[in-house]
């Protein structure tokens, strides 16, 4: 089941504030930047940069999935095998902002290296 418009706006506000705080200075954003997309009940955070050939590429580094039946957010990270794996140090929370803080602090260097 999809999220309500009110929930979507609340999520976009929280994630938007997180992304804005992590974005690089405006003068280097054409070379490297971060962003997010909201897709049904999932939020993907990604890095946007130019490849060696000059093409723009996006590499996802975090995925937050809302499980409505349990009212919980699950956190995933993308390993070198390019698959999503549960972030075992802190796999889920009832609060999105708590998981965004975990991503921001990145104590295990899984999201920002």
PDB file of N, CA and C in Angstrom:
ATOM      1  N   UNK A   1       0.840  -1.171   0.000  1.00  0.00           N
ATOM      2  CA  UNK A   1       0.000   0.000   0.000  1.00  0.00           C
ATOM      3  C   UNK A   1       0.890   1.241   0.000  1.00  0.00           C
ATOM      4  N   UNK A   2       0.568   2.197  -0.849  1.00  0.00           N
ATOM      5  CA  UNK A   2       1.357   3.417  -0.986  1.00  0.00           C
ATOM      6  C   UNK A   2       1.146   4.339   0.215  1.00  0.00           C
ATOM      7  N   UNK A   3       2.086   5.223   0.395  1.00  0.00           N
ATOM      8  CA  UNK A   3       2.008   6.196   1.478  1.00  0.00           C
ATOM      9  C   UNK A   3       1.013   7.297   1.119  1.00  0.00           C
ATOM     10  N   UNK A   4       0.383   7.878   2.128  1.00  0.00           N
ATOM     11  CA  UNK A   4      -0.536   8.986   1.897  1.00  0.00           C
ATOM     12  C   UNK A   4       0.263  10.223   1.474  1.00  0.00           C
ATOM     13  N   UNK A   5      -0.419  11.202   0.905  1.00  0.00           N
ATOM     14  CA  UNK A   5       0.254  12.436   0.490  1.00  0.00           C
ATOM     15  C   UNK A   5       0.880  13.150   1.680  1.00  0.00           C
ATOM     16  N   UNK A   6       0.198  13.140   2.801  1.00  0.00           N
ATOM     17  CA  UNK A   6       0.729  13.771   4.005  1.00  0.00           C
ATOM     18  C   UNK A   6       2.013  13.081   4.456  1.00  0.00           C
ATOM     19  N   UNK A   7       2.014  11.742   4.458  1.00  0.00           N
ATOM     20  CA  UNK A   7       3.220  10.997   4.821  1.00  0.00           C
ATOM     21  C   UNK A   7       4.349  11.281   3.837  1.00  0.00           C
ATOM     22  N   UNK A   8       4.029  11.335   2.551  1.00  0.00           N
ATOM     23  CA  UNK A   8       5.045  11.618   1.539  1.00  0.00           C
ATOM     24  C   UNK A   8       5.679  12.984   1.764  1.00  0.00           C
ATOM     25  N   UNK A   9       4.866  13.997   2.041  1.00  0.00           N
ATOM     26  CA  UNK A   9       5.401  15.343   2.291  1.00  0.00           C
ATOM     27  C   UNK A   9       6.274  15.372   3.542  1.00  0.00           C
ATOM     28  N   UNK A  10       5.852  14.666   4.586  1.00  0.00           N
ATOM     29  CA  UNK A  10       6.639  14.603   5.821  1.00  0.00           C
ATOM     30  C   UNK A  10       7.990  13.934   5.565  1.00  0.00           C
ATOM     31  N   UNK A  11       7.962  12.839   4.820  1.00  0.00           N
ATOM     32  CA  UNK A  11       9.194  12.115   4.491  1.00  0.00           C
ATOM     33  C   UNK A  11      10.100  12.983   3.622  1.00  0.00           C
ATOM     34  N   UNK A  12       9.531  13.624   2.606  1.00  0.00           N
ATOM     35  CA  UNK A  12      10.330  14.485   1.731  1.00  0.00           C
ATOM     36  C   UNK A  12      10.962  15.637   2.502  1.00  0.00           C
ATOM     37  N   UNK A  13      10.264  16.161   3.488  1.00  0.00           N
ATOM     38  CA  UNK A  13      10.814  17.244   4.302  1.00  0.00           C
ATOM     39  C   UNK A  13      12.010  16.733   5.108  1.00  0.00           C
ATOM     40  N   UNK A  14      11.848  15.604   5.788  1.00  0.00           N
ATOM     41  CA  UNK A  14      12.935  15.057   6.604  1.00  0.00           C
ATOM     42  C   UNK A  14      14.142  14.683   5.750  1.00  0.00           C
ATOM     43  N   UNK A  15      13.891  13.953   4.682  1.00  0.00           N
ATOM     44  CA  UNK A  15      14.997  13.497   3.838  1.00  0.00           C
ATOM     45  C   UNK A  15      15.622  14.684   3.101  1.00  0.00           C
ATOM     46  N   UNK A  16      14.790  15.634   2.667  1.00  0.00           N
ATOM     47  CA  UNK A  16      15.305  16.824   2.002  1.00  0.00           C
ATOM     48  C   UNK A  16      16.238  17.622   2.901  1.00  0.00           C
ATOM     49  N   UNK A  17      15.878  17.774   4.159  1.00  0.00           N
ATOM     50  CA  UNK A  17      16.747  18.478   5.111  1.00  0.00           C
ATOM     51  C   UNK A  17      18.059  17.717   5.316  1.00  0.00           C
ATOM     52  N   UNK A  18      17.978  16.398   5.395  1.00  0.00           N
ATOM     53  CA  UNK A  18      19.180  15.577   5.539  1.00  0.00           C
ATOM     54  C   UNK A  18      20.103  15.779   4.337  1.00  0.00           C
ATOM     55  N   UNK A  19      19.540  15.684   3.132  1.00  0.00           N
ATOM     56  CA  UNK A  19      20.333  15.817   1.907  1.00  0.00           C
ATOM     57  C   UNK A  19      20.930  17.219   1.809  1.00  0.00           C
ATOM     58  N   UNK A  20      20.142  18.238   2.085  1.00  0.00           N
ATOM     59  CA  UNK A  20      20.649  19.616   2.017  1.00  0.00           C
ATOM     60  C   UNK A  20      21.834  19.832   2.957  1.00  0.00           C
ATOM     61  N   UNK A  21      21.791  19.211   4.124  1.00  0.00           N
ATOM     62  CA  UNK A  21      22.886  19.358   5.087  1.00  0.00           C
ATOM     63  C   UNK A  21      24.145  18.626   4.635  1.00  0.00           C
ATOM     64  N   UNK A  22      24.007  17.567   3.836  1.00  0.00           N
ATOM     65  CA  UNK A  22      25.147  16.750   3.398  1.00  0.00           C
ATOM     66  C   UNK A  22      25.700  17.164   2.039  1.00  0.00           C
ATOM     67  N   UNK A  23      24.974  18.004   1.296  1.00  0.00           N
ATOM     68  CA  UNK A  23      25.408  18.361  -0.053  1.00  0.00           C
ATOM     69  C   UNK A  23      26.731  19.115  -0.015  1.00  0.00           C
ATOM     70  N   UNK A  24      27.558  18.919  -1.042  1.00  0.00           N
ATOM     71  CA  UNK A  24      28.819  19.663  -1.116  1.00  0.00           C
ATOM     72  C   UNK A  24      28.559  21.138  -1.460  1.00  0.00           C
ATOM     73  N   UNK A  25      29.575  21.973  -1.388  1.00  0.00           N
ATOM     74  CA  UNK A  25      29.406  23.384  -1.735  1.00  0.00           C
ATOM     75  C   UNK A  25      28.879  23.546  -3.165  1.00  0.00           C
ATOM     76  N   UNK A  26      28.121  24.610  -3.409  1.00  0.00           N
ATOM     77  CA  UNK A  26      27.499  24.807  -4.728  1.00  0.00           C
ATOM     78  C   UNK A  26      28.466  24.794  -5.912  1.00  0.00           C
ATOM     79  N   UNK A  27      29.680  25.264  -5.708  1.00  0.00           N
ATOM     80  CA  UNK A  27      30.607  25.335  -6.845  1.00  0.00           C
ATOM     81  C   UNK A  27      31.090  23.963  -7.324  1.00  0.00           C
ATOM     82  N   UNK A  28      30.997  22.920  -6.506  1.00  0.00           N
ATOM     83  CA  UNK A  28      31.420  21.592  -6.979  1.00  0.00           C
ATOM     84  C   UNK A  28      30.244  20.647  -7.243  1.00  0.00           C
ATOM     85  N   UNK A  29      29.038  21.104  -7.036  1.00  0.00           N
ATOM     86  CA  UNK A  29      27.870  20.243  -7.267  1.00  0.00           C
ATOM     87  C   UNK A  29      27.747  19.746  -8.703  1.00  0.00           C
ATOM     88  N   UNK A  30      28.200  20.481  -9.712  1.00  0.00           N
ATOM     89  CA  UNK A  30      28.150  19.896 -11.063  1.00  0.00           C
ATOM     90  C   UNK A  30      29.030  18.652 -11.202  1.00  0.00           C
ATOM     91  N   UNK A  31      30.079  18.546 -10.373  1.00  0.00           N
ATOM     92  CA  UNK A  31      30.954  17.371 -10.432  1.00  0.00           C
ATOM     93  C   UNK A  31      30.466  16.245  -9.528  1.00  0.00           C
ATOM     94  N   UNK A  32      30.022  16.597  -8.330  1.00  0.00           N
ATOM     95  CA  UNK A  32      29.555  15.582  -7.375  1.00  0.00           C
ATOM     96  C   UNK A  32      28.469  16.175  -6.483  1.00  0.00           C
ATOM     97  N   UNK A  33      27.438  15.400  -6.242  1.00  0.00           N
ATOM     98  CA  UNK A  33      26.309  15.864  -5.445  1.00  0.00           C
ATOM     99  C   UNK A  33      25.601  14.641  -4.864  1.00  0.00           C
ATOM    100  N   UNK A  34      24.696  14.859  -3.933  1.00  0.00           N
ATOM    101  CA  UNK A  34      23.862  13.762  -3.459  1.00  0.00           C
ATOM    102  C   UNK A  34      22.404  14.162  -3.615  1.00  0.00           C
ATOM    103  N   UNK A  35      21.560  13.153  -3.689  1.00  0.00           N
ATOM    104  CA  UNK A  35      20.133  13.392  -3.836  1.00  0.00           C
ATOM    105  C   UNK A  35      19.354  12.207  -3.305  1.00  0.00           C
ATOM    106  N   UNK A  36      18.056  12.242  -3.528  1.00  0.00           N
ATOM    107  CA  UNK A  36      17.202  11.146  -3.073  1.00  0.00           C
ATOM    108  C   UNK A  36      16.002  11.022  -3.994  1.00  0.00           C
ATOM    109  N   UNK A  37      15.383   9.858  -3.923  1.00  0.00           N
ATOM    110  CA  UNK A  37      14.115   9.650  -4.624  1.00  0.00           C
ATOM    111  C   UNK A  37      13.198   8.850  -3.710  1.00  0.00           C
ATOM    112  N   UNK A  38      11.932   9.199  -3.759  1.00  0.00           N
ATOM    113  CA  UNK A  38      10.906   8.506  -2.990  1.00  0.00           C
ATOM    114  C   UNK A  38      10.118   7.664  -3.969  1.00  0.00           C
ATOM    115  N   UNK A  39      10.097   6.359  -3.741  1.00  0.00           N
ATOM    116  CA  UNK A  39       9.421   5.434  -4.642  1.00  0.00           C
ATOM    117  C   UNK A  39       8.540   4.514  -3.811  1.00  0.00           C
ATOM    118  N   UNK A  40       7.229   4.729  -3.893  1.00  0.00           N
ATOM    119  CA  UNK A  40       6.266   3.985  -3.086  1.00  0.00           C
ATOM    120  C   UNK A  40       6.623   4.095  -1.609  1.00  0.00           C
ATOM    121  N   UNK A  41       7.045   3.017  -0.991  1.00  0.00           N
ATOM    122  CA  UNK A  41       7.352   3.019   0.439  1.00  0.00           C
ATOM    123  C   UNK A  41       8.850   2.941   0.698  1.00  0.00           C
ATOM    124  N   UNK A  42       9.644   3.384  -0.270  1.00  0.00           N
ATOM    125  CA  UNK A  42      11.098   3.339  -0.123  1.00  0.00           C
ATOM    126  C   UNK A  42      11.708   4.690  -0.483  1.00  0.00           C
ATOM    127  N   UNK A  43      12.793   5.004   0.215  1.00  0.00           N
ATOM    128  CA  UNK A  43      13.584   6.194  -0.067  1.00  0.00           C
ATOM    129  C   UNK A  43      14.979   5.710  -0.419  1.00  0.00           C
ATOM    130  N   UNK A  44      15.493   6.145  -1.561  1.00  0.00           N
ATOM    131  CA  UNK A  44      16.864   5.824  -1.941  1.00  0.00           C
ATOM    132  C   UNK A  44      17.696   7.091  -1.925  1.00  0.00           C
ATOM    133  N   UNK A  45      18.837   7.013  -1.269  1.00  0.00           N
ATOM    134  CA  UNK A  45      19.806   8.100  -1.267  1.00  0.00           C
ATOM    135  C   UNK A  45      20.907   7.732  -2.247  1.00  0.00           C
ATOM    136  N   UNK A  46      21.337   8.696  -3.056  1.00  0.00           N
ATOM    137  CA  UNK A  46      22.329   8.395  -4.078  1.00  0.00           C
ATOM    138  C   UNK A  46      23.333   9.531  -4.221  1.00  0.00           C
ATOM    139  N   UNK A  47      24.485   9.163  -4.792  1.00  0.00           N
ATOM    140  CA  UNK A  47      25.512  10.124  -5.149  1.00  0.00           C
ATOM    141  C   UNK A  47      25.446  10.307  -6.657  1.00  0.00           C
ATOM    142  N   UNK A  48      25.483  11.540  -7.093  1.00  0.00           N
ATOM    143  CA  UNK A  48      25.448  11.856  -8.524  1.00  0.00           C
ATOM    144  C   UNK A  48      26.793  12.478  -8.878  1.00  0.00           C
ATOM    145  N   UNK A  49      27.439  11.925  -9.916  1.00  0.00           N
ATOM    146  CA  UNK A  49      28.733  12.453 -10.342  1.00  0.00           C
ATOM    147  C   UNK A  49      28.947  12.183 -11.822  1.00  0.00           C
ATOM    148  N   UNK A  50      30.025  12.702 -12.330  1.00  0.00           N
ATOM    149  CA  UNK A  50      30.369  12.464 -13.734  1.00  0.00           C
ATOM    150  C   UNK A  50      31.327  11.273 -13.811  1.00  0.00           C
ATOM    151  N   UNK A  51      31.109  10.436 -14.826  1.00  0.00           N
ATOM    152  CA  UNK A  51      32.003   9.296 -15.037  1.00  0.00           C
ATOM    153  C   UNK A  51      33.259   9.778 -15.749  1.00  0.00           C
ATOM    154  N   UNK A  52      34.191   8.891 -15.950  1.00  0.00           N
ATOM    155  CA  UNK A  52      35.430   9.223 -16.662  1.00  0.00           C
ATOM    156  C   UNK A  52      35.143   9.701 -18.086  1.00  0.00           C
ATOM    157  N   UNK A  53      34.050   9.242 -18.656  1.00  0.00           N
ATOM    158  CA  UNK A  53      33.678   9.616 -20.030  1.00  0.00           C
ATOM    159  C   UNK A  53      32.790  10.856 -20.072  1.00  0.00           C
ATOM    160  N   UNK A  54      32.488  11.411 -18.904  1.00  0.00           N
ATOM    161  CA  UNK A  54      31.711  12.633 -18.856  1.00  0.00           C
ATOM    162  C   UNK A  54      30.216  12.443 -18.691  1.00  0.00           C
ATOM    163  N   UNK A  55      29.744  11.205 -18.654  1.00  0.00           N
ATOM    164  CA  UNK A  55      28.326  10.943 -18.444  1.00  0.00           C
ATOM    165  C   UNK A  55      27.980  11.108 -16.968  1.00  0.00           C
ATOM    166  N   UNK A  56      26.760  11.530 -16.702  1.00  0.00           N
ATOM    167  CA  UNK A  56      26.297  11.632 -15.314  1.00  0.00           C
ATOM    168  C   UNK A  56      25.828  10.249 -14.858  1.00  0.00           C
ATOM    169  N   UNK A  57      26.303   9.833 -13.708  1.00  0.00           N
ATOM    170  CA  UNK A  57      25.886   8.551 -13.157  1.00  0.00           C
ATOM    171  C   UNK A  57      25.387   8.758 -11.728  1.00  0.00           C
ATOM    172  N   UNK A  58      24.517   7.878 -11.323  1.00  0.00           N
ATOM    173  CA  UNK A  58      24.002   7.887  -9.959  1.00  0.00           C
ATOM    174  C   UNK A  58      24.315   6.547  -9.322  1.00  0.00           C
ATOM    175  N   UNK A  59      24.863   6.598  -8.121  1.00  0.00           N
ATOM    176  CA  UNK A  59      25.159   5.386  -7.366  1.00  0.00           C
ATOM    177  C   UNK A  59      24.441   5.471  -6.032  1.00  0.00           C
ATOM    178  N   UNK A  60      23.511   4.554  -5.809  1.00  0.00           N
ATOM    179  CA  UNK A  60      22.766   4.530  -4.557  1.00  0.00           C
ATOM    180  C   UNK A  60      23.677   4.054  -3.428  1.00  0.00           C
ATOM    181  N   UNK A  61      23.504   4.643  -2.253  1.00  0.00           N
ATOM    182  CA  UNK A  61      24.315   4.215  -1.115  1.00  0.00           C
ATOM    183  C   UNK A  61      23.478   3.855   0.109  1.00  0.00           C
ATOM    184  N   UNK A  62      22.207   4.218   0.133  1.00  0.00           N
ATOM    185  CA  UNK A  62      21.344   3.859   1.263  1.00  0.00           C
ATOM    186  C   UNK A  62      19.913   3.716   0.775  1.00  0.00           C
ATOM    187  N   UNK A  63      19.207   2.797   1.395  1.00  0.00           N
ATOM    188  CA  UNK A  63      17.797   2.564   1.068  1.00  0.00           C
ATOM    189  C   UNK A  63      17.039   2.400   2.376  1.00  0.00           C
ATOM    190  N   UNK A  64      15.952   3.141   2.506  1.00  0.00           N
ATOM    191  CA  UNK A  64      15.094   3.071   3.685  1.00  0.00           C
ATOM    192  C   UNK A  64      13.724   2.608   3.212  1.00  0.00           C
ATOM    193  N   UNK A  65      13.243   1.525   3.772  1.00  0.00           N
ATOM    194  CA  UNK A  65      11.968   0.941   3.345  1.00  0.00           C
ATOM    195  C   UNK A  65      11.002   0.950   4.522  1.00  0.00           C
ATOM    196  N   UNK A  66       9.821   1.498   4.284  1.00  0.00           N
ATOM    197  CA  UNK A  66       8.794   1.562   5.318  1.00  0.00           C
ATOM    198  C   UNK A  66       7.901   0.332   5.229  1.00  0.00           C
ATOM    199  N   UNK A  67       7.749  -0.361   6.353  1.00  0.00           N
ATOM    200  CA  UNK A  67       6.869  -1.529   6.439  1.00  0.00           C
ATOM    201  C   UNK A  67       5.653  -1.083   7.240  1.00  0.00           C
ATOM    202  N   UNK A  68       4.580  -0.796   6.522  1.00  0.00           N
ATOM    203  CA  UNK A  68       3.400  -0.217   7.153  1.00  0.00           C
ATOM    204  C   UNK A  68       2.759  -1.153   8.174  1.00  0.00           C
ATOM    205  N   UNK A  69       2.742  -2.449   7.892  1.00  0.00           N
ATOM    206  CA  UNK A  69       2.096  -3.398   8.801  1.00  0.00           C
ATOM    207  C   UNK A  69       2.762  -3.427  10.180  1.00  0.00           C
ATOM    208  N   UNK A  70       4.052  -3.083  10.229  1.00  0.00           N
ATOM    209  CA  UNK A  70       4.784  -3.068  11.499  1.00  0.00           C
ATOM    210  C   UNK A  70       5.106  -1.650  11.962  1.00  0.00           C
ATOM    211  N   UNK A  71       4.780  -0.656  11.130  1.00  0.00           N
ATOM    212  CA  UNK A  71       5.101   0.744  11.417  1.00  0.00           C
ATOM    213  C   UNK A  71       6.580   0.896  11.756  1.00  0.00           C
ATOM    214  N   UNK A  72       7.430   0.401  10.851  1.00  0.00           N
ATOM    215  CA  UNK A  72       8.871   0.422  11.078  1.00  0.00           C
ATOM    216  C   UNK A  72       9.594   0.738   9.761  1.00  0.00           C
ATOM    217  N   UNK A  73      10.722   1.428   9.888  1.00  0.00           N
ATOM    218  CA  UNK A  73      11.612   1.699   8.762  1.00  0.00           C
ATOM    219  C   UNK A  73      12.785   0.736   8.824  1.00  0.00           C
ATOM    220  N   UNK A  74      13.136   0.136   7.683  1.00  0.00           N
ATOM    221  CA  UNK A  74      14.291  -0.757   7.602  1.00  0.00           C
ATOM    222  C   UNK A  74      15.390  -0.059   6.811  1.00  0.00           C
ATOM    223  N   UNK A  75      16.621  -0.233   7.247  1.00  0.00           N
ATOM    224  CA  UNK A  75      17.766   0.417   6.625  1.00  0.00           C
ATOM    225  C   UNK A  75      18.628  -0.607   5.894  1.00  0.00           C
ATOM    226  N   UNK A  76      18.990  -0.266   4.657  1.00  0.00           N
ATOM    227  CA  UNK A  76      19.842  -1.112   3.821  1.00  0.00           C
ATOM    228  C   UNK A  76      21.016  -0.293   3.299  1.00  0.00           C
ATOM    229  N   UNK A  77      22.113  -0.974   3.012  1.00  0.00           N
ATOM    230  CA  UNK A  77      23.263  -0.338   2.383  1.00  0.00           C
ATOM    231  C   UNK A  77      23.721  -1.202   1.224  1.00  0.00           C
ATOM    232  N   UNK A  78      24.384  -0.586   0.255  1.00  0.00           N
ATOM    233  CA  UNK A  78      24.819  -1.313  -0.937  1.00  0.00           C
ATOM    234  C   UNK A  78      26.292  -1.674  -0.779  1.00  0.00           C
ATOM    235  N   UNK A  79      26.538  -2.972  -0.797  1.00  0.00           N
ATOM    236  CA  UNK A  79      27.907  -3.475  -0.657  1.00  0.00           C
ATOM    237  C   UNK A  79      28.585  -3.495  -2.010  1.00  0.00           C
ATOM    238  N   UNK A  80      29.825  -3.943  -2.041  1.00  0.00           N
ATOM    239  CA  UNK A  80      30.582  -3.986  -3.291  1.00  0.00           C
ATOM    240  C   UNK A  80      30.009  -4.974  -4.294  1.00  0.00           C
ATOM    241  N   UNK A  81      29.148  -5.900  -3.849  1.00  0.00           N
ATOM    242  CA  UNK A  81      28.504  -6.813  -4.788  1.00  0.00           C
ATOM    243  C   UNK A  81      27.306  -6.151  -5.486  1.00  0.00           C
ATOM    244  N   UNK A  82      27.080  -4.853  -5.189  1.00  0.00           N
ATOM    245  CA  UNK A  82      26.016  -4.036  -5.780  1.00  0.00           C
ATOM    246  C   UNK A  82      24.614  -4.524  -5.435  1.00  0.00           C
ATOM    247  N   UNK A  83      24.493  -5.209  -4.297  1.00  0.00           N
ATOM    248  CA  UNK A  83      23.189  -5.651  -3.799  1.00  0.00           C
ATOM    249  C   UNK A  83      22.912  -4.959  -2.477  1.00  0.00           C
ATOM    250  N   UNK A  84      21.621  -4.813  -2.195  1.00  0.00           N
ATOM    251  CA  UNK A  84      21.214  -4.215  -0.932  1.00  0.00           C
ATOM    252  C   UNK A  84      21.310  -5.237   0.191  1.00  0.00           C
ATOM    253  N   UNK A  85      21.898  -4.818   1.303  1.00  0.00           N
ATOM    254  CA  UNK A  85      22.029  -5.670   2.484  1.00  0.00           C
ATOM    255  C   UNK A  85      21.504  -4.906   3.693  1.00  0.00           C
ATOM    256  N   UNK A  86      20.864  -5.641   4.594  1.00  0.00           N
ATOM    257  CA  UNK A  86      20.401  -5.005   5.836  1.00  0.00           C
ATOM    258  C   UNK A  86      21.594  -4.441   6.571  1.00  0.00           C
ATOM    259  N   UNK A  87      21.421  -3.273   7.095  1.00  0.00           N
ATOM    260  CA  UNK A  87      22.470  -2.624   7.882  1.00  0.00           C
ATOM    261  C   UNK A  87      22.376  -3.203   9.293  1.00  0.00           C
ATOM    262  N   UNK A  88      23.127  -4.265   9.542  1.00  0.00           N
ATOM    263  CA  UNK A  88      22.979  -5.036  10.776  1.00  0.00           C
ATOM    264  C   UNK A  88      23.298  -4.283  12.061  1.00  0.00           C
ATOM    265  N   UNK A  89      24.192  -3.281  12.076  1.00  0.00           N
ATOM    266  CA  UNK A  89      24.393  -2.582  13.352  1.00  0.00           C
ATOM    267  C   UNK A  89      23.135  -1.855  13.848  1.00  0.00           C
ATOM    268  N   UNK A  90      22.267  -1.435  12.928  1.00  0.00           N
ATOM    269  CA  UNK A  90      21.056  -0.711  13.301  1.00  0.00           C
ATOM    270  C   UNK A  90      20.035  -0.954  12.182  1.00  0.00           C
ATOM    271  N   UNK A  91      19.435  -2.145  12.133  1.00  0.00           N
ATOM    272  CA  UNK A  91      18.638  -2.544  10.967  1.00  0.00           C
ATOM    273  C   UNK A  91      17.281  -1.867  10.813  1.00  0.00           C
ATOM    274  N   UNK A  92      16.688  -1.382  11.903  1.00  0.00           N
ATOM    275  CA  UNK A  92      15.366  -0.784  11.759  1.00  0.00           C
ATOM    276  C   UNK A  92      15.046   0.137  12.931  1.00  0.00           C
ATOM    277  N   UNK A  93      14.037   0.992  12.683  1.00  0.00           N
ATOM    278  CA  UNK A  93      13.580   1.921  13.711  1.00  0.00           C
ATOM    279  C   UNK A  93      12.157   2.336  13.368  1.00  0.00           C
ATOM    280  N   UNK A  94      11.426   2.739  14.367  1.00  0.00           N
ATOM    281  CA  UNK A  94      10.081   3.267  14.123  1.00  0.00           C
ATOM    282  C   UNK A  94      10.148   4.718  13.669  1.00  0.00           C
ATOM    283  N   UNK A  95      11.335   5.331  13.771  1.00  0.00           N
ATOM    284  CA  UNK A  95      11.497   6.739  13.397  1.00  0.00           C
ATOM    285  C   UNK A  95      12.502   6.896  12.264  1.00  0.00           C
ATOM    286  N   UNK A  96      12.081   7.549  11.200  1.00  0.00           N
ATOM    287  CA  UNK A  96      12.938   7.800  10.048  1.00  0.00           C
ATOM    288  C   UNK A  96      14.131   8.674  10.420  1.00  0.00           C
ATOM    289  N   UNK A  97      13.918   9.693  11.222  1.00  0.00           N
ATOM    290  CA  UNK A  97      15.006  10.613  11.571  1.00  0.00           C
ATOM    291  C   UNK A  97      16.144   9.912  12.318  1.00  0.00           C
ATOM    292  N   UNK A  98      15.835   8.882  13.075  1.00  0.00           N
ATOM    293  CA  UNK A  98      16.870   8.123  13.795  1.00  0.00           C
ATOM    294  C   UNK A  98      17.772   7.405  12.798  1.00  0.00           C
ATOM    295  N   UNK A  99      17.186   6.817  11.754  1.00  0.00           N
ATOM    296  CA  UNK A  99      17.987   6.127  10.743  1.00  0.00           C
ATOM    297  C   UNK A  99      18.782   7.120   9.893  1.00  0.00           C
ATOM    298  N   UNK A 100      18.199   8.273   9.607  1.00  0.00           N
ATOM    299  CA  UNK A 100      18.945   9.299   8.870  1.00  0.00           C
ATOM    300  C   UNK A 100      20.154   9.763   9.678  1.00  0.00           C
ATOM    301  N   UNK A 101      19.999   9.862  10.979  1.00  0.00           N
ATOM    302  CA  UNK A 101      21.120  10.232  11.840  1.00  0.00           C
ATOM    303  C   UNK A 101      22.200   9.147  11.805  1.00  0.00           C
ATOM    304  N   UNK A 102      21.794   7.889  11.792  1.00  0.00           N
ATOM    305  CA  UNK A 102      22.765   6.788  11.714  1.00  0.00           C
ATOM    306  C   UNK A 102      23.543   6.857  10.402  1.00  0.00           C
ATOM    307  N   UNK A 103      22.838   7.150   9.308  1.00  0.00           N
ATOM    308  CA  UNK A 103      23.510   7.302   8.012  1.00  0.00           C
ATOM    309  C   UNK A 103      24.482   8.473   8.075  1.00  0.00           C
ATOM    310  N   UNK A 104      24.063   9.580   8.646  1.00  0.00           N
ATOM    311  CA  UNK A 104      24.887  10.782   8.724  1.00  0.00           C
ATOM    312  C   UNK A 104      26.161  10.531   9.537  1.00  0.00           C
ATOM    313  N   UNK A 105      26.015   9.868  10.665  1.00  0.00           N
ATOM    314  CA  UNK A 105      27.173   9.582  11.512  1.00  0.00           C
ATOM    315  C   UNK A 105      28.064   8.494  10.897  1.00  0.00           C
ATOM    316  N   UNK A 106      27.459   7.545  10.213  1.00  0.00           N
ATOM    317  CA  UNK A 106      28.163   6.473   9.477  1.00  0.00           C
ATOM    318  C   UNK A 106      29.303   5.856  10.296  1.00  0.00           C
ATOM    319  N   UNK A 107      29.010   5.301  11.483  1.00  0.00           N
ATOM    320  CA  UNK A 107      30.076   4.796  12.348  1.00  0.00           C
ATOM    321  C   UNK A 107      30.836   3.596  11.776  1.00  0.00           C
ATOM    322  N   UNK A 108      30.254   2.902  10.806  1.00  0.00           N
ATOM    323  CA  UNK A 108      30.922   1.730  10.228  1.00  0.00           C
ATOM    324  C   UNK A 108      31.407   1.975   8.805  1.00  0.00           C
ATOM    325  N   UNK A 109      31.375   3.222   8.355  1.00  0.00           N
ATOM    326  CA  UNK A 109      31.846   3.620   7.023  1.00  0.00           C
ATOM    327  C   UNK A 109      31.175   2.811   5.908  1.00  0.00           C
ATOM    328  N   UNK A 110      29.892   2.582   6.043  1.00  0.00           N
ATOM    329  CA  UNK A 110      29.144   1.842   5.031  1.00  0.00           C
ATOM    330  C   UNK A 110      28.492   2.757   3.983  1.00  0.00           C
ATOM    331  N   UNK A 111      28.205   3.985   4.352  1.00  0.00           N
ATOM    332  CA  UNK A 111      27.466   4.866   3.466  1.00  0.00           C
ATOM    333  C   UNK A 111      28.344   5.884   2.755  1.00  0.00           C
ATOM    334  N   UNK A 112      29.263   6.483   3.467  1.00  0.00           N
ATOM    335  CA  UNK A 112      30.117   7.521   2.882  1.00  0.00           C
ATOM    336  C   UNK A 112      31.595   7.131   2.846  1.00  0.00           C
ATOM    337  N   UNK A 113      31.879   5.880   3.218  1.00  0.00           N
ATOM    338  CA  UNK A 113      33.243   5.361   3.155  1.00  0.00           C
ATOM    339  C   UNK A 113      34.127   5.988   4.136  1.00  0.00           C
TER     340      UNK A 113
END
